[in-house]
């Protein structure tokens, strides 16, 4: 059953005529599912989820045919109605734990504030639950950390605190926005294992925004590949890895270091993601695409369904190798 439905989402900064940084995006997430959103920096991954959370402020403009979470129209919710959902049933873990936590308050105070806001817990009950949450995210000597300030914690411990706050009200959907970017490699693996354990235990849906395709291959059921604000491919794991349909997906997979073993150079995709003011007239990938033809430079392709997902390309790859 669909928990999240996003149809034709656009996000602009400026006026209604500004070039969208997220353009006509459709995403669906089912209950208990792990969906990964991948793409280079500037592809619109984080902005998409910020729009869902209601964190796009003026001059940002968010429009959609549908932005529905658990039966609620997130575009129409205001004030108290939104706060009953965001932080409780819908929660988010941000990239940098050191800026996600308030440096002026202790760890315990910040977790207890979430518990009071969404579960009505106060005093000893909130304190006891905060301790349980710190223990659940495997913070050592959890009781002594309740009165610690964020600057007294390492990056890994700060991220665990942020996760504890995000899962405090047992959300139905957790968004993890590159939750391991600022952490050491060994800590990254621990944080990902923790998130997946929590996802399975609570049967919550998880949207994982990441650059790490190895993590996607091991954790996600479905993948949305984004480029320049558009979804260019949707597919299931492992089929998307074995048989990518979009040239951009193929390029991302070729750039994995393991795929270049024995080669003189790591495979790369020349150029950069187009910005708001340098968008090509046709397919947004056409200036960088080795398969681009004349019509690719003149028209923009639609996202077209196929037997195992969808692809935005006039000349998709590997379609003939599929069995419908």
C-alpha atoms as a PDB file:
ATOM      1  CA  UNK A   1       0.000   0.000   0.000  1.00  0.00           C
ATOM      2  CA  UNK A   2       1.298   3.464  -0.950  1.00  0.00           C
ATOM      3  CA  UNK A   3       2.346   5.575   1.995  1.00  0.00           C
ATOM      4  CA  UNK A   4       3.758   8.484  -0.006  1.00  0.00           C
ATOM      5  CA  UNK A   5       2.513   9.741  -3.374  1.00  0.00           C
ATOM      6  CA  UNK A   6       4.227  12.617  -5.146  1.00  0.00           C
ATOM      7  CA  UNK A   7       2.976  13.582  -8.601  1.00  0.00           C
ATOM      8  CA  UNK A   8       4.328  16.340 -10.834  1.00  0.00           C
ATOM      9  CA  UNK A   9       6.295  18.076  -8.081  1.00  0.00           C
ATOM     10  CA  UNK A  10       8.074  21.285  -9.025  1.00  0.00           C
ATOM     11  CA  UNK A  11      10.198  23.539  -6.828  1.00  0.00           C
ATOM     12  CA  UNK A  12      11.300  26.989  -7.961  1.00  0.00           C
ATOM     13  CA  UNK A  13      13.293  29.749  -6.301  1.00  0.00           C
ATOM     14  CA  UNK A  14      12.255  33.226  -7.363  1.00  0.00           C
ATOM     15  CA  UNK A  15       9.029  33.811  -9.236  1.00  0.00           C
ATOM     16  CA  UNK A  16       6.681  31.432 -11.012  1.00  0.00           C
ATOM     17  CA  UNK A  17       8.677  31.816 -14.247  1.00  0.00           C
ATOM     18  CA  UNK A  18      11.985  30.740 -12.703  1.00  0.00           C
ATOM     19  CA  UNK A  19      13.605  27.556 -13.956  1.00  0.00           C
ATOM     20  CA  UNK A  20      12.552  24.700 -11.624  1.00  0.00           C
ATOM     21  CA  UNK A  21      15.238  22.980  -9.561  1.00  0.00           C
ATOM     22  CA  UNK A  22      12.838  20.051  -9.222  1.00  0.00           C
ATOM     23  CA  UNK A  23      10.805  19.497 -12.368  1.00  0.00           C
ATOM     24  CA  UNK A  24       7.746  17.261 -12.818  1.00  0.00           C
ATOM     25  CA  UNK A  25       8.855  14.635 -10.321  1.00  0.00           C
ATOM     26  CA  UNK A  26       6.764  11.546  -9.536  1.00  0.00           C
ATOM     27  CA  UNK A  27       7.698   9.327  -6.564  1.00  0.00           C
ATOM     28  CA  UNK A  28       5.794   6.634  -4.723  1.00  0.00           C
ATOM     29  CA  UNK A  29       6.875   4.913  -1.518  1.00  0.00           C
ATOM     30  CA  UNK A  30       5.090   1.888  -0.053  1.00  0.00           C
ATOM     31  CA  UNK A  31       4.724   0.969   3.604  1.00  0.00           C
ATOM     32  CA  UNK A  32       7.862  -0.717   4.942  1.00  0.00           C
ATOM     33  CA  UNK A  33       9.795  -0.104   1.709  1.00  0.00           C
ATOM     34  CA  UNK A  34      13.351   1.165   1.278  1.00  0.00           C
ATOM     35  CA  UNK A  35      13.594   3.583  -1.658  1.00  0.00           C
ATOM     36  CA  UNK A  36      16.968   5.044  -2.600  1.00  0.00           C
ATOM     37  CA  UNK A  37      17.283   8.380  -4.412  1.00  0.00           C
ATOM     38  CA  UNK A  38      20.638   8.765  -6.168  1.00  0.00           C
ATOM     39  CA  UNK A  39      22.324  11.325  -8.387  1.00  0.00           C
ATOM     40  CA  UNK A  40      25.107  13.899  -8.407  1.00  0.00           C
ATOM     41  CA  UNK A  41      25.064  16.980  -6.199  1.00  0.00           C
ATOM     42  CA  UNK A  42      22.642  19.483  -7.695  1.00  0.00           C
ATOM     43  CA  UNK A  43      20.205  16.836  -8.935  1.00  0.00           C
ATOM     44  CA  UNK A  44      17.418  17.961  -6.581  1.00  0.00           C
ATOM     45  CA  UNK A  45      17.402  14.982  -4.216  1.00  0.00           C
ATOM     46  CA  UNK A  46      17.437  16.895  -0.935  1.00  0.00           C
ATOM     47  CA  UNK A  47      15.191  19.701  -2.207  1.00  0.00           C
ATOM     48  CA  UNK A  48      12.525  17.124  -3.085  1.00  0.00           C
ATOM     49  CA  UNK A  49      12.350  15.799   0.457  1.00  0.00           C
ATOM     50  CA  UNK A  50      12.635  19.288   1.983  1.00  0.00           C
ATOM     51  CA  UNK A  51       9.538  20.210  -0.038  1.00  0.00           C
ATOM     52  CA  UNK A  52       7.692  17.221   1.424  1.00  0.00           C
ATOM     53  CA  UNK A  53       8.724  18.229   4.939  1.00  0.00           C
ATOM     54  CA  UNK A  54       7.569  21.814   4.391  1.00  0.00           C
ATOM     55  CA  UNK A  55      11.076  23.217   4.782  1.00  0.00           C
ATOM     56  CA  UNK A  56      11.170  25.266   1.561  1.00  0.00           C
ATOM     57  CA  UNK A  57      10.801  28.898   2.564  1.00  0.00           C
ATOM     58  CA  UNK A  58      10.360  32.056   0.457  1.00  0.00           C
ATOM     59  CA  UNK A  59      11.439  32.728  -2.218  1.00  0.00           C
ATOM     60  CA  UNK A  60      10.917  29.013  -2.807  1.00  0.00           C
ATOM     61  CA  UNK A  61       7.703  27.960  -4.577  1.00  0.00           C
ATOM     62  CA  UNK A  62       6.420  24.387  -4.242  1.00  0.00           C
ATOM     63  CA  UNK A  63       3.702  23.060  -6.538  1.00  0.00           C
ATOM     64  CA  UNK A  64       2.425  19.549  -7.202  1.00  0.00           C
ATOM     65  CA  UNK A  65      -0.585  17.742  -8.592  1.00  0.00           C
ATOM     66  CA  UNK A  66      -0.316  15.534  -5.511  1.00  0.00           C
ATOM     67  CA  UNK A  67       1.874  15.656  -2.413  1.00  0.00           C
ATOM     68  CA  UNK A  68       0.189  13.101  -0.208  1.00  0.00           C
ATOM     69  CA  UNK A  69       1.546  11.295   2.837  1.00  0.00           C
ATOM     70  CA  UNK A  70      -0.520   8.676   4.692  1.00  0.00           C
ATOM     71  CA  UNK A  71      -3.731  10.123   3.277  1.00  0.00           C
ATOM     72  CA  UNK A  72      -2.834  13.738   4.144  1.00  0.00           C
ATOM     73  CA  UNK A  73      -2.447  16.485   1.551  1.00  0.00           C
ATOM     74  CA  UNK A  74       0.857  18.000   2.644  1.00  0.00           C
ATOM     75  CA  UNK A  75       0.384  21.082   0.463  1.00  0.00           C
ATOM     76  CA  UNK A  76      -2.783  22.143   2.256  1.00  0.00           C
ATOM     77  CA  UNK A  77      -1.682  21.439   5.840  1.00  0.00           C
ATOM     78  CA  UNK A  78      -0.738  24.478   7.903  1.00  0.00           C
ATOM     79  CA  UNK A  79       0.618  25.202  11.385  1.00  0.00           C
ATOM     80  CA  UNK A  80      -0.597  22.798  14.067  1.00  0.00           C
ATOM     81  CA  UNK A  81      -1.958  20.297  11.544  1.00  0.00           C
ATOM     82  CA  UNK A  82       1.436  19.940   9.891  1.00  0.00           C
ATOM     83  CA  UNK A  83       3.281  19.737  13.215  1.00  0.00           C
ATOM     84  CA  UNK A  84       1.122  16.773  14.223  1.00  0.00           C
ATOM     85  CA  UNK A  85       2.578  14.825  11.291  1.00  0.00           C
ATOM     86  CA  UNK A  86       6.070  16.194  10.611  1.00  0.00           C
ATOM     87  CA  UNK A  87       8.424  14.936  13.316  1.00  0.00           C
ATOM     88  CA  UNK A  88       5.999  12.198  14.348  1.00  0.00           C
ATOM     89  CA  UNK A  89       4.772  10.053  11.437  1.00  0.00           C
ATOM     90  CA  UNK A  90       7.133  11.714   8.962  1.00  0.00           C
ATOM     91  CA  UNK A  91      10.679  12.387  10.117  1.00  0.00           C
ATOM     92  CA  UNK A  92      14.075  13.239   8.670  1.00  0.00           C
ATOM     93  CA  UNK A  93      17.753  12.723   9.471  1.00  0.00           C
ATOM     94  CA  UNK A  94      19.919  15.446   7.931  1.00  0.00           C
ATOM     95  CA  UNK A  95      23.395  15.330   6.386  1.00  0.00           C
ATOM     96  CA  UNK A  96      25.424  17.160   9.017  1.00  0.00           C
ATOM     97  CA  UNK A  97      24.679  16.104  12.600  1.00  0.00           C
ATOM     98  CA  UNK A  98      26.701  18.990  14.010  1.00  0.00           C
ATOM     99  CA  UNK A  99      24.301  21.535  12.505  1.00  0.00           C
ATOM    100  CA  UNK A 100      21.142  19.443  12.939  1.00  0.00           C
ATOM    101  CA  UNK A 101      21.439  19.606  16.738  1.00  0.00           C
ATOM    102  CA  UNK A 102      20.990  22.824  18.726  1.00  0.00           C
ATOM    103  CA  UNK A 103      24.340  23.681  20.388  1.00  0.00           C
ATOM    104  CA  UNK A 104      22.602  25.598  23.193  1.00  0.00           C
ATOM    105  CA  UNK A 105      20.734  22.634  24.701  1.00  0.00           C
ATOM    106  CA  UNK A 106      21.729  19.260  26.071  1.00  0.00           C
ATOM    107  CA  UNK A 107      21.093  16.055  24.161  1.00  0.00           C
ATOM    108  CA  UNK A 108      18.549  14.947  26.746  1.00  0.00           C
ATOM    109  CA  UNK A 109      16.613  18.216  26.566  1.00  0.00           C
ATOM    110  CA  UNK A 110      16.357  18.036  22.771  1.00  0.00           C
ATOM    111  CA  UNK A 111      15.083  14.451  22.745  1.00  0.00           C
ATOM    112  CA  UNK A 112      12.634  15.161  25.570  1.00  0.00           C
ATOM    113  CA  UNK A 113      11.309  18.160  23.638  1.00  0.00           C
ATOM    114  CA  UNK A 114      10.387  15.848  20.745  1.00  0.00           C
ATOM    115  CA  UNK A 115       8.743  13.390  23.130  1.00  0.00           C
ATOM    116  CA  UNK A 116       6.703  16.144  24.774  1.00  0.00           C
ATOM    117  CA  UNK A 117       5.649  17.683  21.462  1.00  0.00           C
ATOM    118  CA  UNK A 118       4.532  14.470  19.773  1.00  0.00           C
ATOM    119  CA  UNK A 119       3.801  11.953  22.543  1.00  0.00           C
ATOM    120  CA  UNK A 120       2.890  14.205  25.453  1.00  0.00           C
ATOM    121  CA  UNK A 121       5.590  12.733  27.711  1.00  0.00           C
ATOM    122  CA  UNK A 122       6.983  14.946  30.476  1.00  0.00           C
ATOM    123  CA  UNK A 123       9.293  14.759  33.487  1.00  0.00           C
ATOM    124  CA  UNK A 124      10.594  11.336  34.497  1.00  0.00           C
ATOM    125  CA  UNK A 125       8.654   9.544  31.774  1.00  0.00           C
ATOM    126  CA  UNK A 126      10.277  11.665  29.061  1.00  0.00           C
ATOM    127  CA  UNK A 127      13.698  11.273  30.694  1.00  0.00           C
ATOM    128  CA  UNK A 128      13.363   7.494  30.856  1.00  0.00           C
ATOM    129  CA  UNK A 129      12.223   7.297  27.229  1.00  0.00           C
ATOM    130  CA  UNK A 130      15.094   9.549  26.111  1.00  0.00           C
ATOM    131  CA  UNK A 131      17.534   7.181  27.809  1.00  0.00           C
ATOM    132  CA  UNK A 132      15.922   4.192  26.090  1.00  0.00           C
ATOM    133  CA  UNK A 133      16.315   5.915  22.727  1.00  0.00           C
ATOM    134  CA  UNK A 134      20.004   6.650  23.300  1.00  0.00           C
ATOM    135  CA  UNK A 135      20.531   3.023  24.256  1.00  0.00           C
ATOM    136  CA  UNK A 136      18.582   1.914  21.191  1.00  0.00           C
ATOM    137  CA  UNK A 137      20.904   3.842  18.887  1.00  0.00           C
ATOM    138  CA  UNK A 138      23.828   2.201  20.691  1.00  0.00           C
ATOM    139  CA  UNK A 139      25.417   5.232  22.333  1.00  0.00           C
ATOM    140  CA  UNK A 140      27.883   4.008  24.979  1.00  0.00           C
ATOM    141  CA  UNK A 141      27.302   5.162  28.576  1.00  0.00           C
ATOM    142  CA  UNK A 142      23.958   6.535  27.412  1.00  0.00           C
ATOM    143  CA  UNK A 143      22.893   7.842  30.846  1.00  0.00           C
ATOM    144  CA  UNK A 144      25.922  10.123  31.037  1.00  0.00           C
ATOM    145  CA  UNK A 145      25.232  11.531  27.552  1.00  0.00           C
ATOM    146  CA  UNK A 146      21.806  12.914  28.441  1.00  0.00           C
ATOM    147  CA  UNK A 147      23.377  16.001  30.015  1.00  0.00           C
ATOM    148  CA  UNK A 148      26.047  16.404  27.335  1.00  0.00           C
ATOM    149  CA  UNK A 149      25.982  19.208  24.790  1.00  0.00           C
ATOM    150  CA  UNK A 150      26.424  18.454  21.056  1.00  0.00           C
ATOM    151  CA  UNK A 151      29.970  19.878  20.989  1.00  0.00           C
ATOM    152  CA  UNK A 152      30.968  17.258  23.560  1.00  0.00           C
ATOM    153  CA  UNK A 153      30.048  14.416  21.182  1.00  0.00           C
ATOM    154  CA  UNK A 154      31.847  12.998  18.161  1.00  0.00           C
ATOM    155  CA  UNK A 155      30.287  13.230  14.698  1.00  0.00           C
ATOM    156  CA  UNK A 156      29.171   9.604  14.853  1.00  0.00           C
ATOM    157  CA  UNK A 157      27.554  10.022  18.264  1.00  0.00           C
ATOM    158  CA  UNK A 158      25.884  13.254  17.179  1.00  0.00           C
ATOM    159  CA  UNK A 159      24.356  11.449  14.205  1.00  0.00           C
ATOM    160  CA  UNK A 160      23.089   8.708  16.511  1.00  0.00           C
ATOM    161  CA  UNK A 161      21.439  11.375  18.665  1.00  0.00           C
ATOM    162  CA  UNK A 162      19.828  12.871  15.540  1.00  0.00           C
ATOM    163  CA  UNK A 163      18.531   9.411  14.620  1.00  0.00           C
ATOM    164  CA  UNK A 164      17.198   8.919  18.161  1.00  0.00           C
ATOM    165  CA  UNK A 165      15.251  12.175  17.826  1.00  0.00           C
ATOM    166  CA  UNK A 166      13.956  11.189  14.384  1.00  0.00           C
ATOM    167  CA  UNK A 167      12.628   7.795  15.548  1.00  0.00           C
ATOM    168  CA  UNK A 168      11.384   8.996  18.959  1.00  0.00           C
ATOM    169  CA  UNK A 169       7.720   8.933  17.898  1.00  0.00           C
ATOM    170  CA  UNK A 170       8.146   5.779  15.754  1.00  0.00           C
ATOM    171  CA  UNK A 171       7.564   7.393  12.350  1.00  0.00           C
ATOM    172  CA  UNK A 172       5.891   5.623   9.452  1.00  0.00           C
ATOM    173  CA  UNK A 173       8.391   7.172   7.026  1.00  0.00           C
ATOM    174  CA  UNK A 174      11.979   8.160   7.795  1.00  0.00           C
ATOM    175  CA  UNK A 175      13.970  10.231   5.320  1.00  0.00           C
ATOM    176  CA  UNK A 176      17.738   9.836   5.653  1.00  0.00           C
ATOM    177  CA  UNK A 177      19.507  12.581   3.686  1.00  0.00           C
ATOM    178  CA  UNK A 178      23.042  11.321   3.133  1.00  0.00           C
ATOM    179  CA  UNK A 179      23.273  10.417   6.822  1.00  0.00           C
ATOM    180  CA  UNK A 180      26.892   9.232   6.635  1.00  0.00           C
ATOM    181  CA  UNK A 181      28.486  11.976   4.508  1.00  0.00           C
ATOM    182  CA  UNK A 182      30.318  13.713   7.366  1.00  0.00           C
ATOM    183  CA  UNK A 183      31.477  10.510   9.079  1.00  0.00           C
ATOM    184  CA  UNK A 184      34.495   8.207   8.958  1.00  0.00           C
ATOM    185  CA  UNK A 185      34.187   5.104   6.787  1.00  0.00           C
ATOM    186  CA  UNK A 186      33.964   2.680   9.730  1.00  0.00           C
ATOM    187  CA  UNK A 187      31.292   4.817  11.397  1.00  0.00           C
ATOM    188  CA  UNK A 188      29.368   5.067   8.112  1.00  0.00           C
ATOM    189  CA  UNK A 189      28.831   1.306   8.056  1.00  0.00           C
ATOM    190  CA  UNK A 190      27.623   1.319  11.663  1.00  0.00           C
ATOM    191  CA  UNK A 191      25.127   4.124  11.031  1.00  0.00           C
ATOM    192  CA  UNK A 192      23.721   2.413   7.938  1.00  0.00           C
ATOM    193  CA  UNK A 193      23.377  -0.879   9.800  1.00  0.00           C
ATOM    194  CA  UNK A 194      21.584   0.947  12.619  1.00  0.00           C
ATOM    195  CA  UNK A 195      19.135   2.650  10.236  1.00  0.00           C
ATOM    196  CA  UNK A 196      18.285  -0.627   8.514  1.00  0.00           C
ATOM    197  CA  UNK A 197      17.840  -2.446  11.832  1.00  0.00           C
ATOM    198  CA  UNK A 198      15.409   0.261  12.939  1.00  0.00           C
ATOM    199  CA  UNK A 199      13.600   0.129   9.598  1.00  0.00           C
ATOM    200  CA  UNK A 200      13.061  -3.615   9.874  1.00  0.00           C
ATOM    201  CA  UNK A 201      12.117  -3.584  13.562  1.00  0.00           C
ATOM    202  CA  UNK A 202       9.534  -0.819  13.188  1.00  0.00           C
ATOM    203  CA  UNK A 203       8.473  -1.764   9.641  1.00  0.00           C
ATOM    204  CA  UNK A 204       8.821   1.876   8.681  1.00  0.00           C
ATOM    205  CA  UNK A 205       9.391   3.082   5.152  1.00  0.00           C
ATOM    206  CA  UNK A 206      12.850   4.537   4.518  1.00  0.00           C
ATOM    207  CA  UNK A 207      13.853   7.024   1.827  1.00  0.00           C
ATOM    208  CA  UNK A 208      17.636   6.965   1.555  1.00  0.00           C
ATOM    209  CA  UNK A 209      19.288   9.870  -0.257  1.00  0.00           C
ATOM    210  CA  UNK A 210      22.848   8.875  -1.058  1.00  0.00           C
ATOM    211  CA  UNK A 211      25.779   9.003  -3.478  1.00  0.00           C
ATOM    212  CA  UNK A 212      26.934   5.536  -2.414  1.00  0.00           C
ATOM    213  CA  UNK A 213      25.669   3.013  -4.963  1.00  0.00           C
ATOM    214  CA  UNK A 214      27.230   0.147  -3.005  1.00  0.00           C
ATOM    215  CA  UNK A 215      24.949   1.022  -0.077  1.00  0.00           C
ATOM    216  CA  UNK A 216      21.969   1.189  -2.446  1.00  0.00           C
ATOM    217  CA  UNK A 217      22.727  -2.256  -3.850  1.00  0.00           C
ATOM    218  CA  UNK A 218      22.788  -3.755  -0.365  1.00  0.00           C
ATOM    219  CA  UNK A 219      19.846  -1.951   1.211  1.00  0.00           C
ATOM    220  CA  UNK A 220      17.181  -0.664  -1.202  1.00  0.00           C
ATOM    221  CA  UNK A 221      14.311  -2.430  -2.921  1.00  0.00           C
ATOM    222  CA  UNK A 222      13.780   0.328  -5.505  1.00  0.00           C
ATOM    223  CA  UNK A 223      15.862   3.206  -6.859  1.00  0.00           C
ATOM    224  CA  UNK A 224      14.977   6.625  -8.242  1.00  0.00           C
ATOM    225  CA  UNK A 225      17.842   8.093 -10.292  1.00  0.00           C
ATOM    226  CA  UNK A 226      17.651  11.896 -10.463  1.00  0.00           C
ATOM    227  CA  UNK A 227      19.418  14.280 -12.799  1.00  0.00           C
ATOM    228  CA  UNK A 228      18.989  18.072 -12.938  1.00  0.00           C
ATOM    229  CA  UNK A 229      15.735  17.969 -10.988  1.00  0.00           C
ATOM    230  CA  UNK A 230      14.116  15.158 -12.968  1.00  0.00           C
ATOM    231  CA  UNK A 231      13.696  11.443 -12.353  1.00  0.00           C
ATOM    232  CA  UNK A 232      15.504   9.823 -15.283  1.00  0.00           C
ATOM    233  CA  UNK A 233      15.100   6.190 -14.221  1.00  0.00           C
ATOM    234  CA  UNK A 234      13.030   4.200 -11.757  1.00  0.00           C
ATOM    235  CA  UNK A 235      13.770   0.541 -11.201  1.00  0.00           C
ATOM    236  CA  UNK A 236      14.094  -2.379  -8.833  1.00  0.00           C
ATOM    237  CA  UNK A 237      17.275  -3.668  -7.233  1.00  0.00           C
ATOM    238  CA  UNK A 238      19.199  -5.627  -8.495  1.00  0.00           C
ATOM    239  CA  UNK A 239      17.753  -5.273 -12.025  1.00  0.00           C
ATOM    240  CA  UNK A 240      18.658  -1.607 -12.300  1.00  0.00           C
ATOM    241  CA  UNK A 241      22.286  -2.469 -11.493  1.00  0.00           C
ATOM    242  CA  UNK A 242      22.411  -5.436 -13.862  1.00  0.00           C
ATOM    243  CA  UNK A 243      20.613  -3.741 -16.747  1.00  0.00           C
ATOM    244  CA  UNK A 244      20.496   0.090 -16.529  1.00  0.00           C
ATOM    245  CA  UNK A 245      18.154   1.704 -19.043  1.00  0.00           C
ATOM    246  CA  UNK A 246      19.301   5.343 -18.883  1.00  0.00           C
ATOM    247  CA  UNK A 247      22.766   6.488 -20.026  1.00  0.00           C
ATOM    248  CA  UNK A 248      23.131   8.488 -16.811  1.00  0.00           C
ATOM    249  CA  UNK A 249      22.477   5.412 -14.661  1.00  0.00           C
ATOM    250  CA  UNK A 250      24.997   3.506 -16.752  1.00  0.00           C
ATOM    251  CA  UNK A 251      27.578   6.281 -16.225  1.00  0.00           C
ATOM    252  CA  UNK A 252      27.027   6.298 -12.441  1.00  0.00           C
ATOM    253  CA  UNK A 253      27.545   2.545 -12.298  1.00  0.00           C
ATOM    254  CA  UNK A 254      30.667   2.672 -14.467  1.00  0.00           C
ATOM    255  CA  UNK A 255      32.146   5.266 -12.088  1.00  0.00           C
ATOM    256  CA  UNK A 256      32.176   2.763  -9.203  1.00  0.00           C
ATOM    257  CA  UNK A 257      35.918   2.117  -8.619  1.00  0.00           C
ATOM    258  CA  UNK A 258      35.488  -1.668  -8.606  1.00  0.00           C
ATOM    259  CA  UNK A 259      34.286  -1.493 -12.210  1.00  0.00           C
ATOM    260  CA  UNK A 260      37.559   0.118 -13.335  1.00  0.00           C
ATOM    261  CA  UNK A 261      39.948  -2.486 -11.914  1.00  0.00           C
ATOM    262  CA  UNK A 262      42.862  -2.943 -14.314  1.00  0.00           C
ATOM    263  CA  UNK A 263      42.033   0.223 -16.245  1.00  0.00           C
ATOM    264  CA  UNK A 264      44.432   3.169 -16.470  1.00  0.00           C
ATOM    265  CA  UNK A 265      41.763   5.659 -15.411  1.00  0.00           C
ATOM    266  CA  UNK A 266      38.521   5.622 -13.457  1.00  0.00           C
ATOM    267  CA  UNK A 267      35.497   5.905 -15.738  1.00  0.00           C
ATOM    268  CA  UNK A 268      33.962   9.392 -15.594  1.00  0.00           C
ATOM    269  CA  UNK A 269      31.106  11.357 -17.137  1.00  0.00           C
ATOM    270  CA  UNK A 270      32.444  14.636 -18.576  1.00  0.00           C
ATOM    271  CA  UNK A 271      30.798  17.940 -17.710  1.00  0.00           C
ATOM    272  CA  UNK A 272      28.588  18.935 -14.786  1.00  0.00           C
ATOM    273  CA  UNK A 273      24.897  18.958 -13.867  1.00  0.00           C
ATOM    274  CA  UNK A 274      23.314  22.013 -15.568  1.00  0.00           C
ATOM    275  CA  UNK A 275      22.254  24.820 -13.280  1.00  0.00           C
ATOM    276  CA  UNK A 276      19.213  27.078 -13.407  1.00  0.00           C
ATOM    277  CA  UNK A 277      20.669  29.334 -16.097  1.00  0.00           C
ATOM    278  CA  UNK A 278      22.500  26.907 -18.406  1.00  0.00           C
ATOM    279  CA  UNK A 279      19.882  24.248 -19.120  1.00  0.00           C
ATOM    280  CA  UNK A 280      20.071  22.723 -22.604  1.00  0.00           C
ATOM    281  CA  UNK A 281      17.028  23.035 -24.842  1.00  0.00           C
ATOM    282  CA  UNK A 282      16.556  19.296 -25.326  1.00  0.00           C
ATOM    283  CA  UNK A 283      17.317  16.351 -23.024  1.00  0.00           C
ATOM    284  CA  UNK A 284      19.086  17.733 -19.967  1.00  0.00           C
ATOM    285  CA  UNK A 285      21.805  15.065 -20.227  1.00  0.00           C
ATOM    286  CA  UNK A 286      22.396  15.546 -23.967  1.00  0.00           C
ATOM    287  CA  UNK A 287      25.594  17.694 -23.686  1.00  0.00           C
ATOM    288  CA  UNK A 288      27.226  14.918 -21.615  1.00  0.00           C
ATOM    289  CA  UNK A 289      25.628  11.828 -23.164  1.00  0.00           C
ATOM    290  CA  UNK A 290      27.734   9.627 -25.493  1.00  0.00           C
ATOM    291  CA  UNK A 291      24.555   8.293 -27.153  1.00  0.00           C
ATOM    292  CA  UNK A 292      22.910  11.678 -27.879  1.00  0.00           C
ATOM    293  CA  UNK A 293      21.378  12.163 -31.330  1.00  0.00           C
ATOM    294  CA  UNK A 294      19.858  15.170 -33.070  1.00  0.00           C
ATOM    295  CA  UNK A 295      16.380  14.828 -31.547  1.00  0.00           C
ATOM    296  CA  UNK A 296      17.906  14.509 -28.065  1.00  0.00           C
ATOM    297  CA  UNK A 297      19.247  18.040 -28.442  1.00  0.00           C
ATOM    298  CA  UNK A 298      15.934  19.392 -29.741  1.00  0.00           C
ATOM    299  CA  UNK A 299      13.306  17.835 -27.449  1.00  0.00           C
ATOM    300  CA  UNK A 300      12.974  16.706 -23.856  1.00  0.00           C
ATOM    301  CA  UNK A 301      11.914  13.089 -23.380  1.00  0.00           C
ATOM    302  CA  UNK A 302       9.100  12.055 -21.042  1.00  0.00           C
ATOM    303  CA  UNK A 303       9.420   9.457 -18.293  1.00  0.00           C
ATOM    304  CA  UNK A 304       8.044   6.346 -20.000  1.00  0.00           C
ATOM    305  CA  UNK A 305       7.098   3.139 -18.144  1.00  0.00           C
ATOM    306  CA  UNK A 306       8.572  -0.200 -19.188  1.00  0.00           C
ATOM    307  CA  UNK A 307       8.201  -3.737 -17.909  1.00  0.00           C
ATOM    308  CA  UNK A 308      10.296  -3.210 -14.757  1.00  0.00           C
ATOM    309  CA  UNK A 309      10.243   0.523 -14.081  1.00  0.00           C
ATOM    310  CA  UNK A 310      10.436   3.737 -16.091  1.00  0.00           C
ATOM    311  CA  UNK A 311      13.049   5.649 -18.068  1.00  0.00           C
ATOM    312  CA  UNK A 312      13.354   9.180 -19.496  1.00  0.00           C
ATOM    313  CA  UNK A 313      15.241   8.615 -22.749  1.00  0.00           C
ATOM    314  CA  UNK A 314      14.500   8.503 -26.481  1.00  0.00           C
ATOM    315  CA  UNK A 315      17.016   5.678 -26.905  1.00  0.00           C
ATOM    316  CA  UNK A 316      16.973   3.620 -23.680  1.00  0.00           C
ATOM    317  CA  UNK A 317      19.592   0.945 -23.133  1.00  0.00           C
ATOM    318  CA  UNK A 318      19.103  -2.775 -22.584  1.00  0.00           C
ATOM    319  CA  UNK A 319      15.342  -2.854 -23.185  1.00  0.00           C
ATOM    320  CA  UNK A 320      15.629  -5.700 -25.670  1.00  0.00           C
ATOM    321  CA  UNK A 321      17.433  -7.830 -23.077  1.00  0.00           C
ATOM    322  CA  UNK A 322      14.388  -7.802 -20.743  1.00  0.00           C
ATOM    323  CA  UNK A 323      11.716 -10.403 -20.416  1.00  0.00           C
ATOM    324  CA  UNK A 324       8.418  -8.668 -19.693  1.00  0.00           C
END
